[in-house]
Amino acid sequence: MQHMKTFRNIFAVLLILTALPVFAQTDKATTERLVNAQDFVFVATRALPLSSQDVFAVMSSMPNPNASGSIALTGAQYDLRIKKDSVIAFLPYYGRAYQASMNPDDSGIKFKSKDFKYVKKERKKGGWTITIEPNDVKDNQRLTLYVSENGYGTLNVLNNNRQSITFNGFISEPKAKK
């Protein structure tokens, strides 16, 4: 039953992605170079938690409640940084946790991984599906990133201890360190 809900959410997000404006975030060549080099940043712009009464109750208490269940992530730099030797996640979490941590620093989806499985597949109609499974983080997680040729992306995070959550955003080049 849970897998069916996840599938429906992924399908809905993919529909939303196909309805996005045709203005490219990056050009096809740049996106392909970043994905193939395994050196890019996924910048999250919206969070789409699973529909649940708990999330809806929290969202309806916020100023300017959004009935769609989508949360704009403006004002903060939430991202997933991917390099050949590391994956660093700094993302919020909205949803139900099945096993809560008593440490407030454990909120959100925050981890650094040096030991992870990275699988990239080209999609038939263009773009890529990238699956990342960190082996050296506390929670068992699976991240699936769908990237379009023009740099838009959808990230789905599955975790054994929480409901899944989806993020919309775009990929970009990592900023050079000074």
N, C-alpha and C. Protein backbone atom coordinates (compact mmCIF):
# COMPACT_ATOMS: atom_id res chain seq x y z
N MET A 1 0.82 -1.19 0.00
CA MET A 1 0.00 0.00 0.00
C MET A 1 0.87 1.26 0.00
N GLN A 2 1.92 1.26 0.85
CA GLN A 2 2.83 2.41 0.93
C GLN A 2 3.53 2.64 -0.40
N HIS A 3 3.92 1.54 -1.07
CA HIS A 3 4.62 1.66 -2.35
C HIS A 3 3.71 2.29 -3.40
N MET A 4 2.41 1.99 -3.35
CA MET A 4 1.47 2.55 -4.31
C MET A 4 1.34 4.06 -4.10
N LYS A 5 1.31 4.51 -2.83
CA LYS A 5 1.24 5.94 -2.56
C LYS A 5 2.50 6.64 -3.07
N THR A 6 3.65 6.02 -2.83
CA THR A 6 4.91 6.59 -3.30
C THR A 6 4.92 6.68 -4.82
N PHE A 7 4.46 5.63 -5.48
CA PHE A 7 4.41 5.64 -6.94
C PHE A 7 3.49 6.75 -7.44
N ARG A 8 2.34 6.92 -6.80
CA ARG A 8 1.41 7.98 -7.21
C ARG A 8 2.04 9.34 -7.02
N ASN A 9 2.76 9.53 -5.93
CA ASN A 9 3.40 10.82 -5.68
C ASN A 9 4.49 11.11 -6.72
N ILE A 10 5.28 10.10 -7.04
CA ILE A 10 6.32 10.28 -8.05
C ILE A 10 5.68 10.62 -9.39
N PHE A 11 4.62 9.93 -9.75
CA PHE A 11 3.92 10.18 -11.00
C PHE A 11 3.37 11.61 -11.03
N ALA A 12 2.79 12.06 -9.94
CA ALA A 12 2.24 13.42 -9.88
C ALA A 12 3.35 14.45 -10.04
N VAL A 13 4.49 14.21 -9.41
CA VAL A 13 5.61 15.14 -9.52
C VAL A 13 6.13 15.17 -10.95
N LEU A 14 6.22 14.01 -11.58
CA LEU A 14 6.67 13.99 -12.97
C LEU A 14 5.71 14.74 -13.88
N LEU A 15 4.43 14.65 -13.62
CA LEU A 15 3.46 15.43 -14.39
C LEU A 15 3.67 16.92 -14.19
N ILE A 16 3.94 17.31 -12.96
CA ILE A 16 4.20 18.72 -12.67
C ILE A 16 5.45 19.18 -13.42
N LEU A 17 6.47 18.34 -13.42
CA LEU A 17 7.71 18.69 -14.13
C LEU A 17 7.48 18.90 -15.62
N THR A 18 6.64 18.06 -16.21
CA THR A 18 6.41 18.21 -17.65
C THR A 18 5.58 19.45 -17.96
N ALA A 19 4.87 19.97 -16.96
CA ALA A 19 4.06 21.17 -17.17
C ALA A 19 4.83 22.45 -16.87
N LEU A 20 6.08 22.34 -16.42
CA LEU A 20 6.87 23.54 -16.13
C LEU A 20 7.11 24.34 -17.42
N PRO A 21 7.35 25.62 -17.29
CA PRO A 21 7.63 26.43 -18.47
C PRO A 21 8.82 25.87 -19.24
N VAL A 22 8.86 26.16 -20.51
CA VAL A 22 9.92 25.61 -21.35
C VAL A 22 11.22 26.41 -21.25
N PHE A 23 11.26 27.42 -20.40
CA PHE A 23 12.49 28.17 -20.23
C PHE A 23 13.50 27.28 -19.53
N ALA A 24 14.66 27.13 -20.14
CA ALA A 24 15.66 26.20 -19.61
C ALA A 24 16.37 26.78 -18.40
N GLN A 25 16.55 25.93 -17.39
CA GLN A 25 17.36 26.29 -16.24
C GLN A 25 18.82 26.31 -16.66
N THR A 26 19.26 25.27 -17.34
CA THR A 26 20.57 25.21 -17.97
C THR A 26 20.36 24.63 -19.36
N ASP A 27 21.35 24.74 -20.20
CA ASP A 27 21.20 24.13 -21.52
C ASP A 27 21.52 22.64 -21.43
N LYS A 28 21.15 21.92 -22.47
CA LYS A 28 21.29 20.46 -22.47
C LYS A 28 22.75 20.04 -22.30
N ALA A 29 23.66 20.72 -22.97
CA ALA A 29 25.08 20.35 -22.90
C ALA A 29 25.63 20.54 -21.48
N THR A 30 25.26 21.64 -20.83
CA THR A 30 25.73 21.90 -19.47
C THR A 30 25.18 20.86 -18.50
N THR A 31 23.88 20.58 -18.62
CA THR A 31 23.25 19.59 -17.75
C THR A 31 23.91 18.24 -17.93
N GLU A 32 24.12 17.84 -19.17
CA GLU A 32 24.75 16.55 -19.46
C GLU A 32 26.16 16.48 -18.89
N ARG A 33 26.91 17.57 -19.03
CA ARG A 33 28.28 17.62 -18.50
C ARG A 33 28.28 17.46 -16.98
N LEU A 34 27.38 18.18 -16.29
CA LEU A 34 27.32 18.11 -14.82
C LEU A 34 26.94 16.71 -14.35
N VAL A 35 25.92 16.13 -14.98
CA VAL A 35 25.46 14.79 -14.58
C VAL A 35 26.53 13.74 -14.85
N ASN A 36 27.17 13.81 -16.01
CA ASN A 36 28.20 12.83 -16.35
C ASN A 36 29.45 12.97 -15.49
N ALA A 37 29.77 14.19 -15.07
CA ALA A 37 30.94 14.42 -14.23
C ALA A 37 30.67 14.05 -12.77
N GLN A 38 29.40 13.81 -12.44
CA GLN A 38 28.98 13.52 -11.06
C GLN A 38 29.51 14.61 -10.13
N ASP A 39 29.28 15.86 -10.55
CA ASP A 39 29.74 17.01 -9.79
C ASP A 39 28.74 18.14 -9.98
N PHE A 40 27.68 18.15 -9.13
CA PHE A 40 26.64 19.16 -9.25
C PHE A 40 25.91 19.33 -7.92
N VAL A 41 25.09 20.36 -7.88
CA VAL A 41 24.27 20.65 -6.70
C VAL A 41 22.81 20.64 -7.14
N PHE A 42 21.98 19.89 -6.42
CA PHE A 42 20.54 19.96 -6.61
C PHE A 42 20.03 20.98 -5.60
N VAL A 43 19.46 22.08 -6.09
CA VAL A 43 18.93 23.14 -5.23
C VAL A 43 17.43 22.93 -5.11
N ALA A 44 16.96 22.68 -3.91
CA ALA A 44 15.53 22.43 -3.68
C ALA A 44 14.79 23.76 -3.58
N THR A 45 13.71 23.89 -4.34
CA THR A 45 12.90 25.12 -4.31
C THR A 45 11.51 24.89 -3.71
N ARG A 46 11.04 23.64 -3.73
CA ARG A 46 9.73 23.30 -3.16
C ARG A 46 9.82 21.92 -2.53
N ALA A 47 9.10 21.75 -1.42
CA ALA A 47 8.98 20.44 -0.77
C ALA A 47 7.55 19.96 -0.94
N LEU A 48 7.40 18.69 -1.24
CA LEU A 48 6.08 18.09 -1.41
C LEU A 48 5.98 16.88 -0.49
N PRO A 49 5.60 17.11 0.78
CA PRO A 49 5.47 15.97 1.69
C PRO A 49 4.29 15.10 1.29
N LEU A 50 4.31 13.85 1.74
CA LEU A 50 3.16 12.98 1.51
C LEU A 50 1.94 13.61 2.15
N SER A 51 0.80 13.44 1.55
CA SER A 51 -0.43 13.96 2.14
C SER A 51 -0.70 13.26 3.43
N SER A 52 -0.79 14.02 4.45
CA SER A 52 -1.21 13.45 5.72
C SER A 52 -1.90 14.54 6.51
N GLN A 53 -2.75 14.14 7.39
CA GLN A 53 -3.49 15.11 8.20
C GLN A 53 -2.53 15.93 9.05
N ASP A 54 -1.45 15.33 9.52
CA ASP A 54 -0.50 16.05 10.37
C ASP A 54 0.15 17.20 9.60
N VAL A 55 0.63 16.92 8.38
CA VAL A 55 1.28 17.94 7.58
C VAL A 55 0.27 19.04 7.23
N PHE A 56 -0.94 18.64 6.84
CA PHE A 56 -1.96 19.63 6.48
C PHE A 56 -2.29 20.52 7.67
N ALA A 57 -2.34 19.94 8.87
CA ALA A 57 -2.64 20.74 10.06
C ALA A 57 -1.55 21.78 10.30
N VAL A 58 -0.30 21.39 10.14
CA VAL A 58 0.81 22.33 10.33
C VAL A 58 0.77 23.41 9.26
N MET A 59 0.57 23.00 8.01
CA MET A 59 0.57 23.96 6.90
C MET A 59 -0.59 24.95 7.01
N SER A 60 -1.75 24.50 7.47
CA SER A 60 -2.90 25.40 7.56
C SER A 60 -2.72 26.42 8.68
N SER A 61 -1.82 26.17 9.63
CA SER A 61 -1.57 27.14 10.68
C SER A 61 -0.53 28.18 10.28
N MET A 62 0.13 27.98 9.13
CA MET A 62 1.14 28.92 8.66
C MET A 62 0.46 30.11 7.99
N PRO A 63 1.15 31.27 7.96
CA PRO A 63 0.59 32.39 7.21
C PRO A 63 0.50 32.01 5.73
N ASN A 64 -0.52 32.46 5.07
CA ASN A 64 -0.75 32.15 3.65
C ASN A 64 -0.72 30.65 3.40
N PRO A 65 -1.62 29.90 4.02
CA PRO A 65 -1.60 28.44 3.84
C PRO A 65 -1.82 28.07 2.38
N ASN A 66 -1.14 27.03 1.96
CA ASN A 66 -1.23 26.55 0.59
C ASN A 66 -1.93 25.21 0.61
N ALA A 67 -3.09 25.14 0.01
CA ALA A 67 -3.88 23.91 0.04
C ALA A 67 -3.30 22.80 -0.82
N SER A 68 -2.33 23.12 -1.67
CA SER A 68 -1.80 22.11 -2.59
C SER A 68 -0.89 21.11 -1.89
N GLY A 69 -0.42 21.43 -0.70
CA GLY A 69 0.51 20.54 -0.01
C GLY A 69 1.94 20.78 -0.40
N SER A 70 2.21 21.79 -1.20
CA SER A 70 3.55 22.12 -1.63
C SER A 70 4.07 23.27 -0.76
N ILE A 71 5.31 23.17 -0.31
CA ILE A 71 5.90 24.17 0.56
C ILE A 71 7.06 24.84 -0.17
N ALA A 72 6.96 26.17 -0.35
CA ALA A 72 8.04 26.92 -0.99
C ALA A 72 9.22 27.01 -0.04
N LEU A 73 10.40 26.78 -0.56
CA LEU A 73 11.62 26.80 0.26
C LEU A 73 12.43 28.05 -0.04
N THR A 74 11.79 29.19 0.05
CA THR A 74 12.47 30.45 -0.23
C THR A 74 13.17 30.94 1.03
N GLY A 75 14.24 31.68 0.84
CA GLY A 75 14.94 32.26 1.97
C GLY A 75 16.00 31.36 2.58
N ALA A 76 16.08 30.13 2.18
CA ALA A 76 17.09 29.22 2.72
C ALA A 76 17.70 28.44 1.55
N GLN A 77 18.92 28.06 1.71
CA GLN A 77 19.61 27.31 0.65
C GLN A 77 19.61 25.84 1.01
N TYR A 78 18.53 25.15 0.66
CA TYR A 78 18.45 23.72 0.88
C TYR A 78 18.96 23.02 -0.37
N ASP A 79 19.88 22.07 -0.18
CA ASP A 79 20.46 21.43 -1.36
C ASP A 79 20.99 20.03 -1.07
N LEU A 80 21.33 19.37 -2.16
CA LEU A 80 21.99 18.07 -2.15
C LEU A 80 23.22 18.23 -3.03
N ARG A 81 24.41 18.11 -2.43
CA ARG A 81 25.67 18.30 -3.16
C ARG A 81 26.25 16.93 -3.51
N ILE A 82 26.49 16.73 -4.79
CA ILE A 82 26.96 15.44 -5.27
C ILE A 82 28.32 15.61 -5.93
N LYS A 83 29.28 14.84 -5.46
CA LYS A 83 30.62 14.77 -6.05
C LYS A 83 30.98 13.30 -6.18
N LYS A 84 32.02 13.02 -6.92
CA LYS A 84 32.44 11.63 -7.10
C LYS A 84 32.77 10.96 -5.77
N ASP A 85 33.31 11.74 -4.82
CA ASP A 85 33.76 11.15 -3.56
C ASP A 85 32.85 11.44 -2.37
N SER A 86 31.76 12.20 -2.56
CA SER A 86 30.91 12.53 -1.42
C SER A 86 29.51 12.97 -1.84
N VAL A 87 28.59 12.81 -0.91
CA VAL A 87 27.22 13.31 -1.04
C VAL A 87 26.91 14.03 0.26
N ILE A 88 26.47 15.29 0.15
CA ILE A 88 26.13 16.07 1.33
C ILE A 88 24.70 16.57 1.17
N ALA A 89 23.85 16.22 2.13
CA ALA A 89 22.44 16.63 2.09
C ALA A 89 22.16 17.64 3.19
N PHE A 90 21.48 18.71 2.82
CA PHE A 90 20.98 19.69 3.76
C PHE A 90 19.58 20.08 3.29
N LEU A 91 18.59 19.29 3.71
CA LEU A 91 17.21 19.46 3.26
C LEU A 91 16.27 19.44 4.47
N PRO A 92 15.15 20.14 4.37
CA PRO A 92 14.18 20.10 5.46
C PRO A 92 13.36 18.81 5.39
N TYR A 93 12.63 18.53 6.45
CA TYR A 93 11.72 17.39 6.41
C TYR A 93 10.37 17.80 6.98
N TYR A 94 9.32 17.47 6.24
CA TYR A 94 7.95 17.68 6.68
C TYR A 94 7.24 16.35 6.50
N GLY A 95 6.68 15.84 7.56
CA GLY A 95 5.98 14.58 7.45
C GLY A 95 6.02 13.82 8.76
N ARG A 96 5.59 12.59 8.69
CA ARG A 96 5.49 11.75 9.89
C ARG A 96 6.76 10.92 10.04
N ALA A 97 7.32 10.98 11.25
CA ALA A 97 8.46 10.14 11.58
C ALA A 97 7.95 8.95 12.38
N TYR A 98 8.38 7.76 12.02
CA TYR A 98 7.96 6.56 12.72
C TYR A 98 8.84 6.30 13.94
N GLN A 99 10.04 6.85 13.89
CA GLN A 99 10.98 6.73 15.01
C GLN A 99 11.65 8.09 15.15
N ALA A 100 11.30 8.81 16.18
CA ALA A 100 11.81 10.17 16.36
C ALA A 100 13.11 10.17 17.15
N SER A 101 13.96 11.11 16.80
CA SER A 101 15.22 11.29 17.52
C SER A 101 15.02 12.34 18.60
N MET A 102 15.70 12.19 19.70
CA MET A 102 15.64 13.18 20.78
C MET A 102 16.64 14.31 20.54
N ASN A 103 17.50 14.17 19.54
CA ASN A 103 18.50 15.18 19.23
C ASN A 103 17.92 16.17 18.23
N PRO A 104 17.78 17.46 18.59
CA PRO A 104 17.21 18.42 17.65
C PRO A 104 18.08 18.64 16.41
N ASP A 105 19.36 18.28 16.48
CA ASP A 105 20.24 18.41 15.31
C ASP A 105 19.92 17.36 14.25
N ASP A 106 19.13 16.35 14.59
CA ASP A 106 18.77 15.29 13.65
C ASP A 106 17.53 15.64 12.82
N SER A 107 16.97 16.83 13.00
CA SER A 107 15.80 17.20 12.21
C SER A 107 16.22 17.42 10.76
N GLY A 108 15.29 17.28 9.88
CA GLY A 108 15.60 17.45 8.47
C GLY A 108 16.32 16.24 7.90
N ILE A 109 16.81 16.40 6.70
CA ILE A 109 17.58 15.36 6.02
C ILE A 109 18.98 15.94 5.87
N LYS A 110 19.82 15.63 6.84
CA LYS A 110 21.17 16.19 6.90
C LYS A 110 22.16 15.05 7.08
N PHE A 111 23.05 14.91 6.13
CA PHE A 111 24.10 13.91 6.28
C PHE A 111 25.24 14.20 5.33
N LYS A 112 26.39 13.61 5.64
CA LYS A 112 27.57 13.63 4.78
C LYS A 112 27.96 12.18 4.58
N SER A 113 28.11 11.79 3.32
CA SER A 113 28.45 10.40 3.03
C SER A 113 29.67 10.35 2.11
N LYS A 114 30.60 9.46 2.46
CA LYS A 114 31.77 9.18 1.62
C LYS A 114 31.67 7.78 1.03
N ASP A 115 30.74 6.99 1.55
CA ASP A 115 30.55 5.61 1.10
C ASP A 115 29.11 5.46 0.63
N PHE A 116 28.92 5.50 -0.68
CA PHE A 116 27.57 5.47 -1.23
C PHE A 116 27.55 4.78 -2.59
N LYS A 117 26.38 4.29 -2.93
CA LYS A 117 26.14 3.69 -4.24
C LYS A 117 25.49 4.77 -5.11
N TYR A 118 26.01 4.96 -6.32
CA TYR A 118 25.51 5.99 -7.24
C TYR A 118 25.24 5.30 -8.58
N VAL A 119 23.98 5.31 -9.00
CA VAL A 119 23.61 4.69 -10.28
C VAL A 119 22.91 5.73 -11.12
N LYS A 120 23.42 5.96 -12.34
CA LYS A 120 22.84 6.92 -13.27
C LYS A 120 22.32 6.18 -14.48
N LYS A 121 21.06 6.45 -14.85
CA LYS A 121 20.48 5.85 -16.05
C LYS A 121 19.85 6.94 -16.90
N GLU A 122 20.07 6.84 -18.22
CA GLU A 122 19.40 7.77 -19.13
C GLU A 122 17.95 7.33 -19.31
N ARG A 123 17.05 8.31 -19.34
CA ARG A 123 15.64 8.02 -19.56
C ARG A 123 15.35 8.03 -21.06
N LYS A 124 14.37 7.25 -21.46
CA LYS A 124 14.05 7.11 -22.88
C LYS A 124 13.68 8.43 -23.54
N LYS A 125 12.96 9.28 -22.82
CA LYS A 125 12.50 10.54 -23.41
C LYS A 125 13.39 11.72 -23.01
N GLY A 126 14.62 11.43 -22.65
CA GLY A 126 15.57 12.48 -22.30
C GLY A 126 15.68 12.65 -20.79
N GLY A 127 16.83 13.08 -20.35
CA GLY A 127 17.07 13.26 -18.93
C GLY A 127 17.66 12.01 -18.30
N TRP A 128 17.77 12.04 -16.97
CA TRP A 128 18.44 10.96 -16.25
C TRP A 128 17.68 10.63 -14.97
N THR A 129 17.84 9.41 -14.52
CA THR A 129 17.40 8.98 -13.21
C THR A 129 18.65 8.59 -12.45
N ILE A 130 18.87 9.25 -11.31
CA ILE A 130 20.06 9.00 -10.51
C ILE A 130 19.60 8.48 -9.15
N THR A 131 20.13 7.32 -8.78
CA THR A 131 19.80 6.71 -7.49
C THR A 131 21.04 6.74 -6.61
N ILE A 132 20.86 7.24 -5.38
CA ILE A 132 21.97 7.34 -4.44
C ILE A 132 21.55 6.62 -3.16
N GLU A 133 22.40 5.70 -2.72
CA GLU A 133 22.15 4.97 -1.48
C GLU A 133 23.38 5.10 -0.58
N PRO A 134 23.32 5.99 0.41
CA PRO A 134 24.46 6.13 1.33
C PRO A 134 24.57 4.91 2.24
N ASN A 135 25.79 4.43 2.44
CA ASN A 135 26.04 3.27 3.31
C ASN A 135 26.54 3.66 4.69
N ASP A 136 26.97 4.90 4.86
CA ASP A 136 27.62 5.30 6.10
C ASP A 136 26.84 6.38 6.86
N VAL A 137 25.52 6.38 6.70
CA VAL A 137 24.69 7.32 7.46
C VAL A 137 23.79 6.54 8.41
N LYS A 138 23.31 7.22 9.43
CA LYS A 138 22.56 6.56 10.50
C LYS A 138 21.27 5.91 9.98
N ASP A 139 20.48 6.63 9.21
CA ASP A 139 19.22 6.09 8.69
C ASP A 139 19.45 5.44 7.34
N ASN A 140 18.72 4.36 7.10
CA ASN A 140 18.77 3.71 5.79
C ASN A 140 17.95 4.56 4.82
N GLN A 141 18.61 5.20 3.86
CA GLN A 141 17.94 6.11 2.94
C GLN A 141 18.23 5.75 1.50
N ARG A 142 17.28 6.12 0.65
CA ARG A 142 17.46 5.97 -0.80
C ARG A 142 16.97 7.27 -1.43
N LEU A 143 17.83 7.90 -2.19
CA LEU A 143 17.49 9.15 -2.85
C LEU A 143 17.41 8.88 -4.35
N THR A 144 16.31 9.28 -4.96
CA THR A 144 16.15 9.12 -6.40
C THR A 144 15.94 10.51 -6.98
N LEU A 145 16.84 10.90 -7.87
CA LEU A 145 16.81 12.23 -8.49
C LEU A 145 16.50 12.08 -9.97
N TYR A 146 15.42 12.72 -10.40
CA TYR A 146 15.05 12.75 -11.82
C TYR A 146 15.48 14.10 -12.36
N VAL A 147 16.35 14.10 -13.37
CA VAL A 147 16.87 15.35 -13.92
C VAL A 147 16.46 15.45 -15.39
N SER A 148 15.86 16.59 -15.75
CA SER A 148 15.49 16.82 -17.14
C SER A 148 16.71 17.36 -17.88
N GLU A 149 16.63 17.37 -19.20
CA GLU A 149 17.75 17.85 -20.01
C GLU A 149 18.03 19.33 -19.77
N ASN A 150 17.02 20.10 -19.35
CA ASN A 150 17.24 21.52 -19.12
C ASN A 150 17.54 21.86 -17.66
N GLY A 151 17.86 20.84 -16.85
CA GLY A 151 18.35 21.08 -15.51
C GLY A 151 17.34 21.08 -14.39
N TYR A 152 16.05 20.91 -14.71
CA TYR A 152 15.06 20.81 -13.63
C TYR A 152 15.14 19.43 -13.01
N GLY A 153 14.84 19.34 -11.72
CA GLY A 153 14.95 18.05 -11.06
C GLY A 153 13.87 17.82 -10.03
N THR A 154 13.63 16.55 -9.78
CA THR A 154 12.73 16.10 -8.73
C THR A 154 13.48 15.06 -7.91
N LEU A 155 13.54 15.29 -6.61
CA LEU A 155 14.25 14.40 -5.70
C LEU A 155 13.24 13.73 -4.78
N ASN A 156 13.25 12.40 -4.75
CA ASN A 156 12.40 11.65 -3.84
C ASN A 156 13.31 10.99 -2.81
N VAL A 157 12.99 11.20 -1.53
CA VAL A 157 13.80 10.63 -0.44
C VAL A 157 12.96 9.60 0.29
N LEU A 158 13.43 8.35 0.25
CA LEU A 158 12.79 7.26 0.99
C LEU A 158 13.65 6.95 2.20
N ASN A 159 13.01 6.80 3.34
CA ASN A 159 13.71 6.55 4.58
C ASN A 159 12.91 5.53 5.38
N ASN A 160 13.57 4.57 5.99
CA ASN A 160 12.86 3.53 6.76
C ASN A 160 12.12 4.09 7.96
N ASN A 161 12.58 5.23 8.50
CA ASN A 161 11.99 5.76 9.74
C ASN A 161 11.05 6.93 9.53
N ARG A 162 10.80 7.33 8.28
CA ARG A 162 9.95 8.48 8.00
C ARG A 162 9.14 8.24 6.73
N GLN A 163 8.05 9.01 6.59
CA GLN A 163 7.33 8.99 5.32
C GLN A 163 8.26 9.58 4.26
N SER A 164 8.05 9.16 3.02
CA SER A 164 8.88 9.72 1.95
C SER A 164 8.50 11.18 1.71
N ILE A 165 9.41 11.92 1.12
CA ILE A 165 9.18 13.32 0.78
C ILE A 165 9.82 13.58 -0.58
N THR A 166 9.23 14.50 -1.31
CA THR A 166 9.71 14.85 -2.65
C THR A 166 10.06 16.33 -2.68
N PHE A 167 11.11 16.67 -3.42
CA PHE A 167 11.53 18.06 -3.59
C PHE A 167 11.61 18.37 -5.08
N ASN A 168 11.15 19.55 -5.46
CA ASN A 168 11.36 20.06 -6.82
C ASN A 168 12.48 21.07 -6.75
N GLY A 169 13.21 21.22 -7.85
CA GLY A 169 14.29 22.19 -7.88
C GLY A 169 15.03 22.12 -9.19
N PHE A 170 16.31 22.44 -9.14
CA PHE A 170 17.14 22.44 -10.34
C PHE A 170 18.56 22.07 -9.96
N ILE A 171 19.33 21.66 -10.96
CA ILE A 171 20.75 21.39 -10.68
C ILE A 171 21.58 22.55 -11.18
N SER A 172 22.70 22.74 -10.53
CA SER A 172 23.61 23.81 -10.92
C SER A 172 25.04 23.36 -10.67
N GLU A 173 25.95 24.17 -11.17
CA GLU A 173 27.37 23.87 -10.95
C GLU A 173 27.72 24.24 -9.52
N PRO A 174 28.59 23.46 -8.89
CA PRO A 174 29.01 23.84 -7.54
C PRO A 174 29.79 25.15 -7.60
N LYS A 175 29.61 25.96 -6.56
CA LYS A 175 30.35 27.23 -6.53
C LYS A 175 31.81 26.94 -6.21
N ALA A 176 32.69 27.62 -6.91
CA ALA A 176 34.13 27.43 -6.69
C ALA A 176 34.51 27.98 -5.33
N LYS A 177 35.37 27.23 -4.62
CA LYS A 177 35.85 27.71 -3.32
C LYS A 177 36.92 28.74 -3.53
N LYS A 178 36.87 29.78 -2.70
CA LYS A 178 37.85 30.86 -2.83
C LYS A 178 39.03 30.62 -1.95
